[in-house]
Amino acid sequence: MAQQITAEDQVIDILHRAHACDLEDVMRQCPNLSWNQVFLAVDRLSRSGEIMLVPTKGGSYTLTLLHSREVC
């Protein structure tokens, strides 16, 4: 049985490749997820200390990977 990749895993995978990325860029790279799903995944990852959100000019946020974890 194939494992389903979670929204958190998708965000982590994007940040593994980019190291830092705007929240809007993450949204564009997850077309299979709704805005709410990405937002909740980013919120959980931020609260767990795996990523950091930094506000930028214009009301956007940059996401940065803090702790690595294995992604399938």
N, C-alpha and C. Protein backbone atom coordinates (compact mmCIF):
# COMPACT_ATOMS: atom_id res chain seq x y z
N MET A 1 0.84 -1.18 0.00
CA MET A 1 0.00 0.00 0.00
C MET A 1 0.89 1.25 0.00
N ALA A 2 0.61 2.20 -0.88
CA ALA A 2 1.41 3.42 -0.98
C ALA A 2 1.08 4.38 0.16
N GLN A 3 2.12 5.03 0.67
CA GLN A 3 1.92 6.02 1.71
C GLN A 3 1.49 7.33 1.08
N GLN A 4 0.58 8.02 1.75
CA GLN A 4 0.16 9.32 1.28
C GLN A 4 1.11 10.38 1.87
N ILE A 5 1.57 11.28 1.03
CA ILE A 5 2.46 12.34 1.48
C ILE A 5 1.61 13.45 2.10
N THR A 6 1.95 13.85 3.31
CA THR A 6 1.19 14.87 4.01
C THR A 6 1.53 16.26 3.49
N ALA A 7 0.69 17.21 3.83
CA ALA A 7 0.95 18.60 3.47
C ALA A 7 2.26 19.07 4.09
N GLU A 8 2.52 18.66 5.33
CA GLU A 8 3.77 19.03 6.00
C GLU A 8 4.98 18.49 5.24
N ASP A 9 4.88 17.23 4.80
CA ASP A 9 5.97 16.62 4.04
C ASP A 9 6.23 17.38 2.73
N GLN A 10 5.16 17.83 2.09
CA GLN A 10 5.31 18.58 0.84
C GLN A 10 6.02 19.91 1.09
N VAL A 11 5.64 20.61 2.16
CA VAL A 11 6.29 21.89 2.48
C VAL A 11 7.76 21.66 2.81
N ILE A 12 8.05 20.65 3.62
CA ILE A 12 9.44 20.34 3.97
C ILE A 12 10.25 20.00 2.72
N ASP A 13 9.66 19.23 1.82
CA ASP A 13 10.35 18.85 0.58
C ASP A 13 10.69 20.09 -0.25
N ILE A 14 9.77 21.02 -0.36
CA ILE A 14 10.01 22.26 -1.10
C ILE A 14 11.15 23.04 -0.46
N LEU A 15 11.15 23.12 0.86
CA LEU A 15 12.20 23.88 1.56
C LEU A 15 13.54 23.16 1.53
N HIS A 16 13.55 21.83 1.44
CA HIS A 16 14.80 21.09 1.27
C HIS A 16 15.47 21.51 -0.04
N ARG A 17 14.67 21.71 -1.07
CA ARG A 17 15.20 22.08 -2.38
C ARG A 17 15.56 23.56 -2.46
N ALA A 18 14.75 24.43 -1.83
CA ALA A 18 14.94 25.87 -1.99
C ALA A 18 15.63 26.52 -0.79
N HIS A 19 15.66 25.88 0.34
CA HIS A 19 16.23 26.37 1.60
C HIS A 19 15.44 27.53 2.20
N ALA A 20 14.96 28.42 1.40
CA ALA A 20 14.07 29.50 1.83
C ALA A 20 13.13 29.81 0.67
N CYS A 21 11.88 30.13 1.00
CA CYS A 21 10.89 30.28 -0.06
C CYS A 21 9.76 31.16 0.47
N ASP A 22 9.19 31.99 -0.41
CA ASP A 22 8.01 32.77 -0.02
C ASP A 22 6.82 31.83 0.15
N LEU A 23 5.93 32.20 1.05
CA LEU A 23 4.72 31.42 1.28
C LEU A 23 3.93 31.27 -0.02
N GLU A 24 3.87 32.32 -0.81
CA GLU A 24 3.14 32.25 -2.08
C GLU A 24 3.78 31.25 -3.04
N ASP A 25 5.10 31.15 -3.03
CA ASP A 25 5.79 30.17 -3.88
C ASP A 25 5.45 28.75 -3.43
N VAL A 26 5.38 28.54 -2.13
CA VAL A 26 5.00 27.22 -1.61
C VAL A 26 3.59 26.89 -2.07
N MET A 27 2.70 27.87 -2.00
CA MET A 27 1.31 27.65 -2.45
C MET A 27 1.28 27.21 -3.92
N ARG A 28 2.06 27.87 -4.76
CA ARG A 28 2.08 27.53 -6.19
C ARG A 28 2.66 26.14 -6.45
N GLN A 29 3.56 25.69 -5.59
CA GLN A 29 4.18 24.38 -5.78
C GLN A 29 3.36 23.24 -5.19
N CYS A 30 2.23 23.57 -4.58
CA CYS A 30 1.34 22.55 -4.00
C CYS A 30 -0.06 22.68 -4.61
N PRO A 31 -0.19 22.47 -5.91
CA PRO A 31 -1.51 22.66 -6.55
C PRO A 31 -2.56 21.66 -6.08
N ASN A 32 -2.12 20.57 -5.48
CA ASN A 32 -3.06 19.56 -4.99
C ASN A 32 -3.62 19.90 -3.62
N LEU A 33 -3.13 20.99 -3.01
CA LEU A 33 -3.57 21.39 -1.68
C LEU A 33 -4.30 22.72 -1.73
N SER A 34 -5.26 22.90 -0.84
CA SER A 34 -5.94 24.18 -0.72
C SER A 34 -5.07 25.15 0.06
N TRP A 35 -5.42 26.43 -0.01
CA TRP A 35 -4.70 27.45 0.75
C TRP A 35 -4.74 27.09 2.23
N ASN A 36 -5.90 26.65 2.72
CA ASN A 36 -6.05 26.29 4.14
C ASN A 36 -5.13 25.14 4.53
N GLN A 37 -5.01 24.14 3.69
CA GLN A 37 -4.15 23.00 4.00
C GLN A 37 -2.69 23.43 4.10
N VAL A 38 -2.24 24.28 3.18
CA VAL A 38 -0.85 24.76 3.22
C VAL A 38 -0.65 25.63 4.46
N PHE A 39 -1.58 26.53 4.73
CA PHE A 39 -1.47 27.41 5.88
C PHE A 39 -1.39 26.60 7.18
N LEU A 40 -2.24 25.61 7.34
CA LEU A 40 -2.22 24.78 8.55
C LEU A 40 -0.93 23.98 8.67
N ALA A 41 -0.42 23.48 7.56
CA ALA A 41 0.85 22.74 7.58
C ALA A 41 1.99 23.67 7.99
N VAL A 42 2.03 24.87 7.43
CA VAL A 42 3.06 25.84 7.78
C VAL A 42 2.94 26.23 9.25
N ASP A 43 1.72 26.41 9.73
CA ASP A 43 1.50 26.74 11.14
C ASP A 43 2.03 25.64 12.05
N ARG A 44 1.70 24.39 11.75
CA ARG A 44 2.17 23.26 12.58
C ARG A 44 3.70 23.14 12.55
N LEU A 45 4.29 23.29 11.35
CA LEU A 45 5.74 23.19 11.23
C LEU A 45 6.45 24.33 11.96
N SER A 46 5.86 25.50 11.93
CA SER A 46 6.44 26.65 12.63
C SER A 46 6.36 26.45 14.14
N ARG A 47 5.22 26.00 14.62
CA ARG A 47 5.04 25.79 16.07
C ARG A 47 5.94 24.66 16.60
N SER A 48 6.24 23.69 15.74
CA SER A 48 7.10 22.57 16.18
C SER A 48 8.59 22.91 16.03
N GLY A 49 8.90 24.08 15.47
CA GLY A 49 10.28 24.51 15.35
C GLY A 49 11.01 23.94 14.15
N GLU A 50 10.29 23.37 13.19
CA GLU A 50 10.93 22.81 12.00
C GLU A 50 11.19 23.85 10.92
N ILE A 51 10.34 24.88 10.89
CA ILE A 51 10.55 25.98 9.95
C ILE A 51 10.38 27.30 10.70
N MET A 52 10.87 28.37 10.06
CA MET A 52 10.72 29.70 10.62
C MET A 52 10.04 30.58 9.58
N LEU A 53 9.08 31.37 10.02
CA LEU A 53 8.42 32.33 9.15
C LEU A 53 8.97 33.72 9.46
N VAL A 54 9.39 34.43 8.42
CA VAL A 54 9.92 35.78 8.60
C VAL A 54 9.07 36.72 7.74
N PRO A 55 8.45 37.73 8.38
CA PRO A 55 7.67 38.67 7.57
C PRO A 55 8.58 39.49 6.66
N THR A 56 8.10 39.75 5.45
CA THR A 56 8.84 40.56 4.49
C THR A 56 8.00 41.77 4.12
N LYS A 57 8.59 42.69 3.41
CA LYS A 57 7.84 43.86 2.96
C LYS A 57 6.69 43.44 2.07
N GLY A 58 5.60 44.13 2.17
CA GLY A 58 4.46 43.84 1.33
C GLY A 58 3.50 42.83 1.94
N GLY A 59 3.73 42.44 3.19
CA GLY A 59 2.80 41.55 3.86
C GLY A 59 2.98 40.07 3.56
N SER A 60 4.07 39.70 2.94
CA SER A 60 4.34 38.30 2.65
C SER A 60 5.22 37.70 3.74
N TYR A 61 5.49 36.42 3.62
CA TYR A 61 6.36 35.73 4.57
C TYR A 61 7.34 34.85 3.82
N THR A 62 8.55 34.77 4.35
CA THR A 62 9.56 33.84 3.84
C THR A 62 9.65 32.68 4.81
N LEU A 63 9.64 31.47 4.29
CA LEU A 63 9.77 30.27 5.09
C LEU A 63 11.19 29.76 4.98
N THR A 64 11.77 29.39 6.11
CA THR A 64 13.12 28.86 6.15
C THR A 64 13.12 27.55 6.91
N LEU A 65 13.81 26.56 6.38
CA LEU A 65 13.92 25.26 7.03
C LEU A 65 14.92 25.35 8.17
N LEU A 66 14.51 24.93 9.38
CA LEU A 66 15.39 24.96 10.53
C LEU A 66 15.94 23.59 10.87
N HIS A 67 15.09 22.57 10.84
CA HIS A 67 15.50 21.22 11.22
C HIS A 67 15.13 20.25 10.11
N SER A 68 16.08 19.41 9.76
CA SER A 68 15.82 18.42 8.72
C SER A 68 15.05 17.24 9.27
N ARG A 69 14.26 16.65 8.42
CA ARG A 69 13.61 15.38 8.73
C ARG A 69 13.51 14.63 7.43
N GLU A 70 13.42 13.33 7.54
CA GLU A 70 13.35 12.49 6.34
C GLU A 70 12.01 12.65 5.65
N VAL A 71 12.04 12.80 4.34
CA VAL A 71 10.82 12.89 3.53
C VAL A 71 10.84 11.71 2.57
N CYS A 72 9.72 11.01 2.47
CA CYS A 72 9.61 9.85 1.59
C CYS A 72 9.50 10.27 0.15
